[in-house]
């Protein structure tokens, strides 16, 4: 059975750990911890939360 790469779509052997075409990891995705999820939020959005902001008009 072949494994399809989630990044480039190439088919790889089921025993492969990385994609033969692009090198992406083919292993199970690790669950994001709150710290890593927070790190992906743009810096400015972490500085300026949207609570209480209203739009005029």
Protein backbone atom coordinates (compact mmCIF):
# COMPACT_ATOMS: atom_id res chain seq x y z
CA UNK A 1 0.00 0.00 0.00
CA UNK A 2 1.33 3.45 -0.89
CA UNK A 3 1.24 6.57 1.25
CA UNK A 4 0.33 9.88 -0.41
CA UNK A 5 2.47 12.84 0.69
CA UNK A 6 0.32 15.53 2.35
CA UNK A 7 2.58 18.27 0.94
CA UNK A 8 3.27 17.39 -2.71
CA UNK A 9 0.90 14.48 -3.41
CA UNK A 10 3.61 12.01 -4.47
CA UNK A 11 3.03 8.35 -3.67
CA UNK A 12 5.61 6.64 -1.44
CA UNK A 13 6.18 3.15 -0.05
CA UNK A 14 4.14 2.43 3.07
CA UNK A 15 7.39 1.92 5.00
CA UNK A 16 8.76 5.36 4.05
CA UNK A 17 9.22 7.94 6.80
CA UNK A 18 9.81 10.86 4.45
CA UNK A 19 8.58 11.71 0.95
CA UNK A 20 10.93 10.65 -1.85
CA UNK A 21 10.03 13.76 -3.87
CA UNK A 22 9.91 16.66 -1.38
CA UNK A 23 11.30 15.19 1.86
CA UNK A 24 8.21 15.96 3.96
CA UNK A 25 7.53 13.76 6.98
CA UNK A 26 5.03 10.97 6.28
CA UNK A 27 4.65 9.95 9.91
CA UNK A 28 1.65 10.72 12.08
CA UNK A 29 1.11 14.39 12.71
CA UNK A 30 1.80 15.43 16.28
CA UNK A 31 -1.01 17.17 18.07
CA UNK A 32 -0.36 20.85 18.54
CA UNK A 33 0.24 21.99 22.05
CA UNK A 34 -1.23 25.33 23.07
CA UNK A 35 2.28 26.80 22.99
CA UNK A 36 2.89 25.83 19.36
CA UNK A 37 -0.59 26.89 18.32
CA UNK A 38 -0.06 30.27 20.01
CA UNK A 39 3.30 30.68 18.30
CA UNK A 40 1.57 30.52 14.90
CA UNK A 41 -0.65 33.50 15.72
CA UNK A 42 0.88 36.64 14.22
CA UNK A 43 2.72 38.70 16.81
CA UNK A 44 0.50 41.79 16.44
CA UNK A 45 -2.68 39.77 17.04
CA UNK A 46 -1.22 38.53 20.32
CA UNK A 47 -0.50 42.12 21.34
CA UNK A 48 -3.90 43.51 20.38
CA UNK A 49 -6.75 41.16 21.32
CA UNK A 50 -10.09 41.86 19.62
CA UNK A 51 -12.16 41.82 22.78
CA UNK A 52 -14.40 44.84 23.08
CA UNK A 53 -13.61 46.22 19.64
CA UNK A 54 -16.67 47.41 17.77
CA UNK A 55 -17.06 48.56 14.21
CA UNK A 56 -18.68 51.95 13.58
CA UNK A 57 -21.13 52.31 10.81
